[in-house]
Protein backbone atom coordinates (compact mmCIF):
# COMPACT_ATOMS: atom_id res chain seq x y z
CA MET A 1 -41.91 -58.31 31.68
CA ILE A 2 -39.78 -55.13 31.66
CA GLN A 3 -39.78 -52.73 28.77
CA LEU A 4 -36.28 -51.03 28.24
CA TYR A 5 -36.03 -47.39 26.35
CA THR A 6 -33.71 -45.13 25.68
CA ASP A 7 -33.33 -41.63 23.58
CA THR A 8 -32.75 -41.23 19.62
CA SER A 9 -28.98 -40.00 20.92
CA ALA A 10 -28.14 -43.16 22.31
CA ASN A 11 -27.60 -43.74 18.21
CA LEU A 12 -28.33 -46.96 17.88
CA THR A 13 -29.02 -48.58 14.07
CA SER A 14 -32.83 -49.61 13.76
CA ASP A 15 -31.61 -53.59 13.55
CA ILE A 16 -30.21 -53.33 17.29
CA ILE A 17 -33.36 -51.38 18.53
CA LYS A 18 -35.80 -54.63 16.57
CA GLU A 19 -33.49 -57.17 17.90
CA TYR A 20 -34.00 -56.66 21.57
CA GLY A 21 -37.07 -54.90 21.33
CA ILE A 22 -35.87 -51.48 22.62
CA LYS A 23 -38.36 -48.16 22.56
CA LEU A 24 -37.21 -45.00 20.90
CA VAL A 25 -38.39 -41.73 22.60
CA PRO A 26 -37.05 -39.50 19.94
CA PHE A 27 -35.49 -35.62 20.16
CA THR A 28 -36.27 -33.08 17.36
CA TYR A 29 -34.26 -31.02 15.48
CA ARG A 30 -35.30 -28.74 13.14
CA VAL A 31 -32.71 -27.68 9.77
CA ASP A 32 -33.57 -24.12 8.29
CA GLY A 33 -37.11 -23.99 10.10
CA LYS A 34 -38.09 -27.26 9.06
CA ASP A 35 -38.74 -30.51 11.06
CA SER A 36 -36.66 -33.54 11.07
CA ASP A 37 -37.68 -36.37 9.10
CA GLN A 38 -35.93 -38.95 11.74
CA SER A 39 -37.51 -42.10 11.70
CA PRO A 40 -39.04 -43.78 15.00
CA GLU A 41 -36.50 -46.00 14.36
CA GLY A 42 -33.48 -43.78 14.65
CA ASP A 43 -32.16 -43.83 11.27
CA PHE A 44 -31.99 -40.97 9.31
CA ASP A 45 -29.38 -39.81 6.27
CA GLY A 46 -26.36 -38.92 7.20
CA LYS A 47 -24.96 -37.48 4.50
CA ALA A 48 -27.63 -35.34 4.12
CA PHE A 49 -27.89 -33.77 7.01
CA TYR A 50 -23.79 -32.81 7.08
CA ASP A 51 -23.86 -31.70 3.97
CA ALA A 52 -26.51 -29.44 4.75
CA MET A 53 -24.34 -28.31 7.53
CA ARG A 54 -21.76 -27.89 5.50
CA ASN A 55 -23.67 -25.33 3.36
CA GLY A 56 -24.64 -23.38 6.15
CA ALA A 57 -27.83 -24.85 7.31
CA MET A 58 -28.60 -23.95 10.61
CA VAL A 59 -29.95 -26.80 13.04
CA LYS A 60 -31.96 -26.24 16.38
CA THR A 61 -32.30 -28.75 18.81
CA SER A 62 -34.99 -29.46 21.47
CA MET A 63 -35.28 -31.64 24.09
CA ILE A 64 -37.67 -34.41 24.96
CA ASN A 65 -40.97 -32.95 26.84
CA ILE A 66 -41.99 -34.52 29.77
CA VAL A 67 -45.51 -35.72 27.54
CA ASP A 68 -43.46 -37.29 25.05
CA PHE A 69 -41.82 -39.26 27.62
CA MET A 70 -45.53 -39.66 29.67
CA ASP A 71 -47.02 -41.18 26.42
CA GLY A 72 -44.21 -43.41 25.55
CA PHE A 73 -44.21 -45.39 29.20
CA ARG A 74 -47.62 -45.47 29.69
CA GLU A 75 -47.53 -47.94 26.02
CA ALA A 76 -46.15 -50.28 28.36
CA LEU A 77 -47.55 -49.63 31.72
CA ASP A 78 -50.76 -49.91 30.40
CA LYS A 79 -49.86 -53.65 29.42
CA GLY A 80 -48.50 -54.64 33.32
CA ASP A 81 -44.29 -54.37 32.14
CA ASP A 82 -42.19 -52.02 34.10
CA VAL A 83 -40.29 -49.59 32.44
CA LEU A 84 -36.82 -48.83 32.23
CA TYR A 85 -34.98 -45.58 30.54
CA ILE A 86 -31.64 -45.38 29.83
CA GLY A 87 -30.88 -42.04 28.51
CA MET A 88 -28.43 -38.76 27.09
CA SER A 89 -26.38 -36.93 29.65
CA GLY A 90 -28.58 -33.78 31.00
CA GLY A 91 -31.54 -35.41 28.74
CA ILE A 92 -33.81 -36.59 31.16
CA SER A 93 -34.91 -33.87 33.36
CA GLY A 94 -38.53 -34.81 31.10
CA ALA A 95 -38.35 -38.11 32.36
CA SER A 96 -37.27 -37.74 35.98
CA ILE A 97 -40.06 -35.75 36.73
CA ALA A 98 -42.68 -38.01 34.58
CA VAL A 99 -41.50 -40.91 36.35
CA MET A 100 -42.78 -39.59 39.66
CA GLU A 101 -45.89 -38.25 37.99
CA LEU A 102 -46.42 -41.91 36.73
CA GLU A 103 -45.81 -43.50 39.66
CA ASP A 104 -48.71 -42.46 41.33
CA GLU A 105 -50.54 -43.22 38.51
CA TYR A 106 -49.30 -46.93 38.20
CA PRO A 107 -48.62 -47.63 42.05
CA ASP A 108 -48.09 -51.19 41.42
CA ARG A 109 -45.10 -50.82 38.52
CA LYS A 110 -41.41 -50.06 38.47
CA ILE A 111 -40.34 -47.09 36.90
CA VAL A 112 -36.70 -45.88 36.53
CA ALA A 113 -34.77 -43.36 34.57
CA ILE A 114 -30.82 -43.38 34.35
CA ASP A 115 -28.94 -40.87 33.36
CA THR A 116 -25.87 -42.07 31.36
CA PHE A 117 -23.84 -38.94 31.51
CA ALA A 118 -23.05 -40.46 27.79
CA ALA A 119 -24.49 -39.61 24.60
CA SER A 120 -24.38 -41.26 21.00
CA LEU A 121 -22.56 -44.76 21.39
CA GLY A 122 -21.96 -43.64 25.06
CA GLU A 123 -24.68 -44.10 25.93
CA GLY A 124 -25.70 -46.86 23.23
CA LEU A 125 -23.11 -49.30 24.84
CA LEU A 126 -24.66 -49.14 28.53
CA VAL A 127 -28.26 -49.55 26.71
CA ILE A 128 -27.26 -52.34 24.37
CA LYS A 129 -25.51 -53.90 27.73
CA ALA A 130 -28.99 -53.26 29.85
CA ALA A 131 -30.53 -54.89 26.60
CA LYS A 132 -28.44 -58.13 26.59
CA MET A 133 -29.19 -58.53 30.57
CA LEU A 134 -32.94 -57.90 30.29
CA ALA A 135 -32.50 -61.05 27.54
CA ALA A 136 -30.63 -62.87 30.21
CA GLY A 137 -33.43 -62.64 32.82
CA VAL A 138 -31.45 -60.53 34.70
CA GLU A 139 -33.44 -58.70 37.63
CA LEU A 140 -34.00 -54.71 37.23
CA GLU A 141 -32.49 -53.88 40.56
CA ARG A 142 -29.25 -55.69 39.23
CA ILE A 143 -29.47 -54.11 36.19
CA VAL A 144 -29.90 -50.61 37.38
CA ASP A 145 -27.14 -51.38 39.72
CA ILE A 146 -24.54 -52.06 36.94
CA ILE A 147 -25.51 -49.66 34.49
CA GLU A 148 -24.87 -46.84 37.38
CA GLU A 149 -21.74 -48.58 38.49
CA ASP A 150 -20.69 -48.50 34.59
CA ARG A 151 -21.65 -45.11 33.57
CA ASN A 152 -18.43 -44.12 35.58
CA THR A 153 -15.86 -45.61 33.16
CA MET A 154 -17.30 -45.28 30.14
CA CYS A 155 -14.84 -43.60 27.86
CA GLN A 156 -15.93 -40.89 25.48
CA TYR A 157 -12.92 -39.34 23.22
CA PHE A 158 -13.91 -37.37 20.25
CA THR A 159 -11.87 -34.67 17.52
CA VAL A 160 -13.77 -32.53 15.50
CA ASP A 161 -12.95 -31.29 11.94
CA ASP A 162 -14.14 -27.80 12.51
CA LEU A 163 -13.66 -25.39 15.54
CA GLU A 164 -16.41 -23.21 14.48
CA TYR A 165 -19.20 -25.34 16.05
CA LEU A 166 -17.79 -25.89 19.09
CA LYS A 167 -17.10 -22.11 19.24
CA ARG A 168 -20.77 -21.73 18.45
CA GLY A 169 -21.56 -23.67 21.50
CA GLY A 170 -18.81 -21.47 23.56
CA ARG A 171 -16.46 -24.27 24.08
CA LEU A 172 -13.71 -22.39 22.57
CA SER A 173 -12.84 -18.21 22.61
CA GLY A 174 -13.13 -16.38 18.92
CA ILE A 175 -8.77 -16.36 19.43
CA ALA A 176 -9.08 -20.19 20.05
CA THR A 177 -10.97 -21.07 16.88
CA ILE A 178 -8.51 -18.79 14.05
CA VAL A 179 -5.41 -19.95 15.40
CA GLY A 180 -6.65 -23.13 15.56
CA THR A 181 -8.28 -22.97 11.66
CA LEU A 182 -4.56 -21.55 10.67
CA LEU A 183 -1.95 -24.01 12.26
CA LYS A 184 -4.27 -26.50 11.60
CA ILE A 185 -4.71 -27.61 14.99
CA LYS A 186 -7.16 -30.28 15.72
CA PRO A 187 -8.24 -30.81 19.81
CA VAL A 188 -9.57 -34.01 21.38
CA LEU A 189 -11.95 -34.02 23.65
CA LYS A 190 -13.81 -35.96 26.20
CA GLY A 191 -16.88 -36.25 28.10
CA ASP A 192 -16.16 -35.96 32.05
CA GLU A 193 -17.99 -37.68 35.32
CA GLU A 194 -20.90 -35.47 34.78
CA GLY A 195 -21.15 -36.06 30.64
CA LYS A 196 -19.96 -32.20 30.55
CA ILE A 197 -17.36 -31.80 27.01
CA VAL A 198 -14.00 -31.26 28.03
CA SER A 199 -10.73 -30.88 26.30
CA CYS A 200 -7.96 -33.23 26.72
CA GLY A 201 -5.18 -32.59 24.30
CA LYS A 202 -4.53 -31.47 20.80
CA ALA A 203 -2.82 -32.72 17.86
CA ARG A 204 -1.48 -30.82 14.53
CA GLY A 205 -3.59 -32.75 11.47
CA ARG A 206 -6.43 -34.84 10.75
CA GLN A 207 -4.44 -37.76 11.43
CA ALA A 208 -2.48 -37.19 14.37
CA ALA A 209 -5.85 -36.31 16.02
CA LEU A 210 -7.18 -40.08 15.39
CA LEU A 211 -3.85 -42.09 16.52
CA MET A 212 -4.47 -39.97 19.94
CA LEU A 213 -8.11 -41.04 20.34
CA ALA A 214 -6.22 -44.79 19.85
CA GLU A 215 -3.56 -44.29 22.37
CA LYS A 216 -6.70 -42.97 24.56
CA TYR A 217 -7.99 -46.48 24.03
CA GLU A 218 -4.94 -48.38 24.34
CA LYS A 219 -4.40 -46.72 27.62
CA LEU A 220 -7.39 -46.76 29.22
CA ALA A 221 -9.78 -49.47 27.88
CA LYS A 222 -10.38 -52.51 30.61
CA ASP A 223 -10.80 -55.12 28.32
CA LYS A 224 -10.13 -55.31 24.57
CA SER A 225 -12.51 -57.83 23.73
CA SER A 226 -15.37 -56.23 24.80
CA GLU A 227 -17.65 -53.80 22.45
CA ILE A 228 -17.00 -50.78 21.61
CA GLY A 229 -18.60 -47.84 19.59
CA ILE A 230 -17.07 -45.39 16.83
CA ALA A 231 -19.70 -42.90 15.30
CA HIS A 232 -18.93 -40.39 12.74
CA ALA A 233 -20.38 -36.96 11.21
CA ASP A 234 -20.11 -38.49 8.07
CA ALA A 235 -16.45 -39.37 7.79
CA PRO A 236 -16.62 -42.98 7.30
CA GLU A 237 -13.12 -43.23 5.89
CA ASP A 238 -11.96 -41.14 9.02
CA ALA A 239 -13.69 -43.84 11.55
CA GLU A 240 -12.15 -47.15 9.10
CA ILE A 241 -8.58 -45.82 10.26
CA LEU A 242 -9.31 -45.39 13.16
CA LEU A 243 -10.51 -48.75 13.70
CA LYS A 244 -7.19 -50.10 12.04
CA GLU A 245 -5.10 -48.19 14.64
CA LEU A 246 -7.37 -49.96 16.94
CA ARG A 247 -6.93 -53.44 15.88
CA LYS A 248 -2.87 -52.89 16.04
CA ARG A 249 -3.50 -52.06 19.65
CA GLY A 250 -5.28 -54.77 20.72
CA PHE A 251 -8.80 -54.15 19.98
CA THR A 252 -10.66 -57.74 19.39
CA GLY A 253 -14.21 -57.08 19.97
CA LYS A 254 -16.83 -56.11 18.10
CA CYS A 255 -16.86 -52.11 16.92
CA TYR A 256 -20.06 -50.45 16.62
CA ASN A 257 -19.75 -47.87 13.39
CA VAL A 258 -22.43 -45.78 12.97
CA CYS A 259 -23.19 -42.04 11.30
CA TYR A 260 -23.60 -39.52 14.18
CA GLU A 261 -27.07 -38.97 15.28
CA PRO A 262 -28.31 -35.42 14.39
CA VAL A 263 -28.75 -34.13 17.74
CA THR A 264 -25.84 -34.52 19.61
CA GLY A 265 -23.91 -33.98 16.29
CA ALA A 266 -25.05 -30.66 15.15
CA HIS A 267 -22.82 -29.81 18.08
CA VAL A 268 -19.70 -31.05 17.16
CA GLY A 269 -20.39 -30.54 13.48
CA PRO A 270 -19.44 -32.49 10.48
CA GLY A 271 -16.10 -34.57 10.48
CA THR A 272 -16.23 -35.00 14.13
CA VAL A 273 -15.08 -38.76 14.75
CA ALA A 274 -15.88 -40.44 18.38
CA LEU A 275 -14.27 -43.20 20.05
CA PHE A 276 -16.40 -44.52 22.60
CA PHE A 277 -15.88 -47.99 24.76
CA PRO A 278 -15.82 -49.17 28.78
CA GLY A 279 -12.85 -48.34 30.63
CA THR A 280 -11.00 -48.26 33.95
CA GLU A 281 -11.80 -44.41 34.32
CA LYS A 282 -12.72 -41.82 31.91
């Protein structure tokens, strides 16, 4: 058997995790110095989290340490299972070291870690695809090949409601933040080929930014019947507006519509709306 692992950044609901038997390795975060209460199944109180941020709460996030990876993977390896871990962009360094350590400890087992160059449902959609292939009996090597190919065209476009959170992360200069706030300019950003956040446009106002996301889908979607994802940082109405715009542009597939998980959400801020879909290019 092959046990599929991911992390809480994948933004998968507890129903999906249970349906496919996926194991989660949790990222950690603190709100005003207090440890998070995110469950091992990935659920958390999104409204309370983002309201706290709006009210000035300081959120600190931490990467997964090597020990947590090793302890998690051993649970499957000790049962005689192989391990496939599909993780967040830039967040698998600990997993890679754990894999090397565990390969010596379990020489008869296959252990693989894949960097998706993505986060939230950009990562999660790839995890779901791998889970479906595992359920269909596809061999591990073939699954790895497909996921490593598909990650190169997983589109990740988003707009933020408050530029201050990007400023804190060094994404914008202070002047750009002030001008953007005064003129109601909303940036449109994307995850590039290496998983880094880069600017790809700007819109005057929230509605225009959401329309720009829909236009990116219309231009780049590989198959309009394929599953997509929308993640919002406590902005469910805007997420629904975006989904309706996608339907107008021919989207006929299933949409996973979720509240942004806290580790990524802390960096993009309340009100963020993100769109993830398989594209012809990023």
